[in-house]
Amino acid sequence: MSTKRTRKGRPEGLAGLLPEAARALGFEEELRFARTMGTFSDLLREVAPHLAPVCHLVAIERSRLIVEARNPVAAQELHLRGAELARAFSERPGGERSIGLTVRIAAPGSEQV
């Protein structure tokens, strides 16, 4: 006797189900920001690959990207390239309109993704 189930309806991919599940569970904003963080990380890997491992987006406040850097050298370069990065992020699919970049140095021992 076969235990195979017959599928009813069209199969859906997991990526298509995540937004619905997040909305139902109240995690829609967190999912959206996680995607935004990924977009910023992708941008850094393309534009400044040496910064990607030591910097990450922590928030967006009043259309400004808040970026944390692991060391002062990376923070200085982010500061100098802030307008360029904000503009590129605004124009990128998955990015958001941003008017600038605020950089802060991570506290010693803080965990970064």
N, C-alpha and C. Protein backbone atom coordinates (compact mmCIF):
# COMPACT_ATOMS: atom_id res chain seq x y z
N MET A 1 0.84 -1.18 0.00
CA MET A 1 0.00 0.00 0.00
C MET A 1 0.88 1.24 0.00
N SER A 2 0.58 2.15 -0.84
CA SER A 2 1.37 3.37 -0.99
C SER A 2 0.95 4.41 0.04
N THR A 3 1.95 5.06 0.64
CA THR A 3 1.64 6.10 1.62
C THR A 3 1.85 7.50 1.04
N LYS A 4 2.03 7.57 -0.26
CA LYS A 4 2.22 8.87 -0.91
C LYS A 4 0.95 9.69 -0.82
N ARG A 5 1.13 10.95 -0.51
CA ARG A 5 0.00 11.88 -0.52
C ARG A 5 -0.07 12.56 -1.87
N THR A 6 -1.25 12.81 -2.30
CA THR A 6 -1.38 13.59 -3.53
C THR A 6 -1.46 15.05 -3.13
N ARG A 7 -0.72 15.83 -3.83
CA ARG A 7 -0.66 17.27 -3.54
C ARG A 7 -1.91 17.94 -4.09
N LYS A 8 -2.50 18.76 -3.26
CA LYS A 8 -3.67 19.51 -3.70
C LYS A 8 -3.24 20.94 -3.96
N GLY A 9 -3.55 21.42 -5.12
CA GLY A 9 -3.20 22.80 -5.44
C GLY A 9 -1.76 22.93 -5.92
N ARG A 10 -1.39 24.14 -6.13
CA ARG A 10 -0.07 24.48 -6.66
C ARG A 10 0.94 24.55 -5.51
N PRO A 11 2.14 23.98 -5.67
CA PRO A 11 3.14 24.09 -4.61
C PRO A 11 3.62 25.53 -4.47
N GLU A 12 3.90 25.92 -3.24
CA GLU A 12 4.41 27.27 -2.98
C GLU A 12 5.82 27.17 -2.43
N GLY A 13 6.64 28.12 -2.83
CA GLY A 13 8.00 28.16 -2.31
C GLY A 13 8.01 28.77 -0.91
N LEU A 14 8.99 28.42 -0.14
CA LEU A 14 9.11 28.94 1.22
C LEU A 14 9.23 30.46 1.24
N ALA A 15 9.96 31.01 0.29
CA ALA A 15 10.14 32.47 0.24
C ALA A 15 8.80 33.18 0.07
N GLY A 16 7.87 32.57 -0.63
CA GLY A 16 6.56 33.17 -0.81
C GLY A 16 5.71 33.10 0.45
N LEU A 17 5.98 32.13 1.31
CA LEU A 17 5.20 31.96 2.53
C LEU A 17 5.71 32.81 3.69
N LEU A 18 7.00 33.15 3.67
CA LEU A 18 7.59 33.89 4.80
C LEU A 18 6.91 35.23 5.09
N PRO A 19 6.65 36.08 4.09
CA PRO A 19 6.00 37.35 4.42
C PRO A 19 4.63 37.16 5.07
N GLU A 20 3.86 36.19 4.59
CA GLU A 20 2.55 35.94 5.20
C GLU A 20 2.69 35.46 6.63
N ALA A 21 3.61 34.54 6.86
CA ALA A 21 3.83 34.02 8.21
C ALA A 21 4.33 35.13 9.14
N ALA A 22 5.24 35.95 8.66
CA ALA A 22 5.77 37.05 9.47
C ALA A 22 4.66 38.03 9.84
N ARG A 23 3.81 38.33 8.88
CA ARG A 23 2.69 39.25 9.13
C ARG A 23 1.75 38.65 10.18
N ALA A 24 1.44 37.37 10.04
CA ALA A 24 0.52 36.71 10.97
C ALA A 24 1.10 36.65 12.38
N LEU A 25 2.42 36.53 12.49
CA LEU A 25 3.06 36.43 13.80
C LEU A 25 3.52 37.78 14.35
N GLY A 26 3.35 38.83 13.57
CA GLY A 26 3.75 40.16 14.03
C GLY A 26 5.22 40.48 13.83
N PHE A 27 5.89 39.75 12.94
CA PHE A 27 7.31 39.96 12.70
C PHE A 27 7.58 40.63 11.36
N GLU A 28 6.61 41.24 10.77
CA GLU A 28 6.77 41.81 9.44
C GLU A 28 7.87 42.87 9.40
N GLU A 29 7.90 43.75 10.38
CA GLU A 29 8.90 44.82 10.40
C GLU A 29 10.31 44.25 10.56
N GLU A 30 10.46 43.24 11.42
CA GLU A 30 11.76 42.61 11.62
C GLU A 30 12.24 41.93 10.34
N LEU A 31 11.34 41.26 9.63
CA LEU A 31 11.70 40.61 8.37
C LEU A 31 12.11 41.65 7.33
N ARG A 32 11.37 42.75 7.26
CA ARG A 32 11.70 43.81 6.31
C ARG A 32 13.08 44.39 6.62
N PHE A 33 13.37 44.64 7.91
CA PHE A 33 14.67 45.21 8.26
C PHE A 33 15.80 44.21 8.01
N ALA A 34 15.56 42.94 8.24
CA ALA A 34 16.58 41.92 7.95
C ALA A 34 16.94 41.93 6.46
N ARG A 35 15.93 42.09 5.62
CA ARG A 35 16.20 42.18 4.18
C ARG A 35 16.97 43.46 3.85
N THR A 36 16.62 44.55 4.53
CA THR A 36 17.32 45.82 4.31
C THR A 36 18.78 45.70 4.73
N MET A 37 19.03 45.03 5.85
CA MET A 37 20.41 44.81 6.30
C MET A 37 21.19 43.99 5.26
N GLY A 38 20.53 43.00 4.70
CA GLY A 38 21.17 42.20 3.66
C GLY A 38 21.51 43.02 2.43
N THR A 39 20.61 43.92 2.07
CA THR A 39 20.85 44.80 0.92
C THR A 39 22.07 45.68 1.18
N PHE A 40 22.18 46.23 2.40
CA PHE A 40 23.33 47.07 2.74
C PHE A 40 24.62 46.26 2.73
N SER A 41 24.58 45.05 3.27
CA SER A 41 25.77 44.19 3.27
C SER A 41 26.21 43.86 1.85
N ASP A 42 25.24 43.57 0.98
CA ASP A 42 25.56 43.30 -0.43
C ASP A 42 26.22 44.52 -1.08
N LEU A 43 25.69 45.70 -0.77
CA LEU A 43 26.25 46.94 -1.32
C LEU A 43 27.70 47.10 -0.87
N LEU A 44 27.96 46.91 0.42
CA LEU A 44 29.33 47.03 0.92
C LEU A 44 30.26 46.02 0.26
N ARG A 45 29.80 44.79 0.08
CA ARG A 45 30.64 43.77 -0.56
C ARG A 45 31.02 44.17 -1.99
N GLU A 46 30.13 44.90 -2.66
CA GLU A 46 30.42 45.33 -4.03
C GLU A 46 31.28 46.58 -4.08
N VAL A 47 30.93 47.58 -3.28
CA VAL A 47 31.58 48.89 -3.35
C VAL A 47 32.88 48.94 -2.54
N ALA A 48 32.87 48.34 -1.38
CA ALA A 48 34.04 48.37 -0.49
C ALA A 48 34.17 47.03 0.22
N PRO A 49 34.63 46.00 -0.48
CA PRO A 49 34.65 44.65 0.10
C PRO A 49 35.44 44.53 1.40
N HIS A 50 36.43 45.37 1.59
CA HIS A 50 37.22 45.32 2.82
C HIS A 50 36.43 45.82 4.03
N LEU A 51 35.36 46.59 3.81
CA LEU A 51 34.54 47.09 4.92
C LEU A 51 33.44 46.11 5.33
N ALA A 52 33.01 45.27 4.41
CA ALA A 52 31.87 44.39 4.67
C ALA A 52 32.03 43.52 5.93
N PRO A 53 33.19 42.94 6.19
CA PRO A 53 33.30 42.09 7.38
C PRO A 53 33.33 42.87 8.70
N VAL A 54 33.60 44.16 8.65
CA VAL A 54 33.77 44.92 9.89
C VAL A 54 32.71 45.99 10.12
N CYS A 55 31.68 46.04 9.26
CA CYS A 55 30.64 47.06 9.38
C CYS A 55 29.27 46.43 9.14
N HIS A 56 28.25 46.96 9.81
CA HIS A 56 26.90 46.50 9.52
C HIS A 56 25.88 47.58 9.86
N LEU A 57 24.76 47.50 9.17
CA LEU A 57 23.65 48.43 9.38
C LEU A 57 22.92 48.03 10.65
N VAL A 58 22.70 48.99 11.56
CA VAL A 58 22.00 48.68 12.80
C VAL A 58 20.62 49.31 12.87
N ALA A 59 20.40 50.38 12.11
CA ALA A 59 19.09 51.04 12.14
C ALA A 59 18.99 52.04 10.99
N ILE A 60 17.78 52.49 10.76
CA ILE A 60 17.54 53.62 9.86
C ILE A 60 16.66 54.58 10.65
N GLU A 61 17.17 55.77 10.88
CA GLU A 61 16.45 56.78 11.66
C GLU A 61 16.36 58.07 10.86
N ARG A 62 15.16 58.54 10.67
CA ARG A 62 14.92 59.78 9.92
C ARG A 62 15.67 59.79 8.59
N SER A 63 15.57 58.70 7.86
CA SER A 63 16.19 58.53 6.53
C SER A 63 17.72 58.53 6.56
N ARG A 64 18.30 58.32 7.73
CA ARG A 64 19.76 58.20 7.83
C ARG A 64 20.11 56.76 8.18
N LEU A 65 21.10 56.22 7.49
CA LEU A 65 21.58 54.88 7.78
C LEU A 65 22.48 54.95 9.01
N ILE A 66 22.20 54.15 10.01
CA ILE A 66 23.05 54.08 11.20
C ILE A 66 23.89 52.82 11.05
N VAL A 67 25.20 53.02 10.89
CA VAL A 67 26.11 51.92 10.61
C VAL A 67 27.12 51.81 11.75
N GLU A 68 27.36 50.59 12.18
CA GLU A 68 28.33 50.34 13.24
C GLU A 68 29.58 49.73 12.62
N ALA A 69 30.72 50.27 13.01
CA ALA A 69 32.02 49.78 12.53
C ALA A 69 32.78 49.17 13.69
N ARG A 70 33.54 48.15 13.41
CA ARG A 70 34.28 47.45 14.45
C ARG A 70 35.55 48.19 14.86
N ASN A 71 36.05 49.08 14.00
CA ASN A 71 37.29 49.79 14.34
C ASN A 71 37.25 51.22 13.80
N PRO A 72 38.08 52.11 14.36
CA PRO A 72 38.08 53.51 13.94
C PRO A 72 38.46 53.74 12.48
N VAL A 73 39.32 52.91 11.93
CA VAL A 73 39.74 53.08 10.54
C VAL A 73 38.54 52.85 9.61
N ALA A 74 37.79 51.78 9.86
CA ALA A 74 36.60 51.50 9.05
C ALA A 74 35.56 52.60 9.24
N ALA A 75 35.42 53.08 10.48
CA ALA A 75 34.46 54.15 10.75
C ALA A 75 34.82 55.41 9.97
N GLN A 76 36.10 55.74 9.92
CA GLN A 76 36.54 56.93 9.18
C GLN A 76 36.25 56.79 7.69
N GLU A 77 36.53 55.62 7.12
CA GLU A 77 36.25 55.45 5.69
C GLU A 77 34.75 55.51 5.42
N LEU A 78 33.94 54.90 6.28
CA LEU A 78 32.48 55.00 6.12
C LEU A 78 32.03 56.45 6.17
N HIS A 79 32.59 57.20 7.10
CA HIS A 79 32.24 58.62 7.22
C HIS A 79 32.59 59.38 5.94
N LEU A 80 33.78 59.14 5.41
CA LEU A 80 34.22 59.83 4.19
C LEU A 80 33.39 59.44 2.97
N ARG A 81 32.92 58.21 2.93
CA ARG A 81 32.16 57.72 1.77
C ARG A 81 30.66 57.70 2.04
N GLY A 82 30.22 58.36 3.10
CA GLY A 82 28.82 58.32 3.51
C GLY A 82 27.83 58.73 2.44
N ALA A 83 28.08 59.85 1.77
CA ALA A 83 27.15 60.33 0.74
C ALA A 83 27.06 59.34 -0.42
N GLU A 84 28.21 58.82 -0.83
CA GLU A 84 28.24 57.84 -1.92
C GLU A 84 27.45 56.58 -1.56
N LEU A 85 27.67 56.07 -0.34
CA LEU A 85 26.98 54.85 0.08
C LEU A 85 25.48 55.07 0.25
N ALA A 86 25.10 56.21 0.82
CA ALA A 86 23.67 56.51 1.00
C ALA A 86 22.97 56.62 -0.34
N ARG A 87 23.60 57.27 -1.29
CA ARG A 87 23.01 57.42 -2.63
C ARG A 87 22.87 56.05 -3.31
N ALA A 88 23.93 55.24 -3.23
CA ALA A 88 23.90 53.91 -3.85
C ALA A 88 22.84 53.03 -3.20
N PHE A 89 22.69 53.15 -1.88
CA PHE A 89 21.68 52.36 -1.16
C PHE A 89 20.28 52.79 -1.57
N SER A 90 20.07 54.08 -1.75
CA SER A 90 18.76 54.59 -2.17
C SER A 90 18.36 54.08 -3.54
N GLU A 91 19.34 53.93 -4.42
CA GLU A 91 19.06 53.53 -5.81
C GLU A 91 19.00 52.02 -5.99
N ARG A 92 19.40 51.29 -5.00
CA ARG A 92 19.50 49.83 -5.10
C ARG A 92 18.14 49.17 -4.85
N PRO A 93 17.79 48.13 -5.62
CA PRO A 93 16.57 47.38 -5.32
C PRO A 93 16.67 46.78 -3.92
N GLY A 94 15.66 46.96 -3.13
CA GLY A 94 15.68 46.48 -1.75
C GLY A 94 16.20 47.53 -0.78
N GLY A 95 16.76 48.60 -1.29
CA GLY A 95 17.23 49.69 -0.44
C GLY A 95 16.10 50.64 -0.12
N GLU A 96 16.38 51.63 0.67
CA GLU A 96 15.40 52.65 1.03
C GLU A 96 16.00 54.02 0.78
N ARG A 97 15.14 55.00 0.65
CA ARG A 97 15.61 56.37 0.48
C ARG A 97 16.43 56.76 1.71
N SER A 98 17.63 57.22 1.48
CA SER A 98 18.46 57.65 2.60
C SER A 98 19.17 58.94 2.24
N ILE A 99 19.29 59.80 3.23
CA ILE A 99 19.90 61.11 3.00
C ILE A 99 21.33 61.19 3.52
N GLY A 100 21.75 60.18 4.23
CA GLY A 100 23.10 60.20 4.76
C GLY A 100 23.39 58.98 5.60
N LEU A 101 24.55 59.02 6.21
CA LEU A 101 25.03 57.88 6.96
C LEU A 101 25.62 58.38 8.27
N THR A 102 25.22 57.77 9.37
CA THR A 102 25.80 58.07 10.67
C THR A 102 26.60 56.85 11.09
N VAL A 103 27.83 57.06 11.50
CA VAL A 103 28.72 55.95 11.84
C VAL A 103 28.99 55.98 13.33
N ARG A 104 28.98 54.80 13.92
CA ARG A 104 29.41 54.69 15.31
C ARG A 104 30.34 53.49 15.43
N ILE A 105 31.23 53.58 16.39
CA ILE A 105 32.19 52.49 16.60
C ILE A 105 31.60 51.53 17.61
N ALA A 106 31.66 50.25 17.30
CA ALA A 106 31.11 49.21 18.17
C ALA A 106 31.88 49.19 19.49
N ALA A 107 31.15 48.94 20.56
CA ALA A 107 31.78 48.82 21.86
C ALA A 107 32.67 47.57 21.87
N PRO A 108 33.80 47.64 22.55
CA PRO A 108 34.68 46.46 22.61
C PRO A 108 33.91 45.26 23.16
N GLY A 109 34.08 44.14 22.50
CA GLY A 109 33.40 42.92 22.94
C GLY A 109 31.98 42.77 22.46
N SER A 110 31.45 43.79 21.76
CA SER A 110 30.08 43.65 21.25
C SER A 110 30.09 42.70 20.07
N GLU A 111 29.00 41.98 19.93
CA GLU A 111 28.90 40.99 18.85
C GLU A 111 28.38 41.66 17.60
N GLN A 112 29.02 41.38 16.48
CA GLN A 112 28.57 41.90 15.19
C GLN A 112 28.27 40.76 14.26
N VAL A 113 27.30 41.01 13.40
CA VAL A 113 26.94 40.01 12.39
C VAL A 113 27.72 40.28 11.15
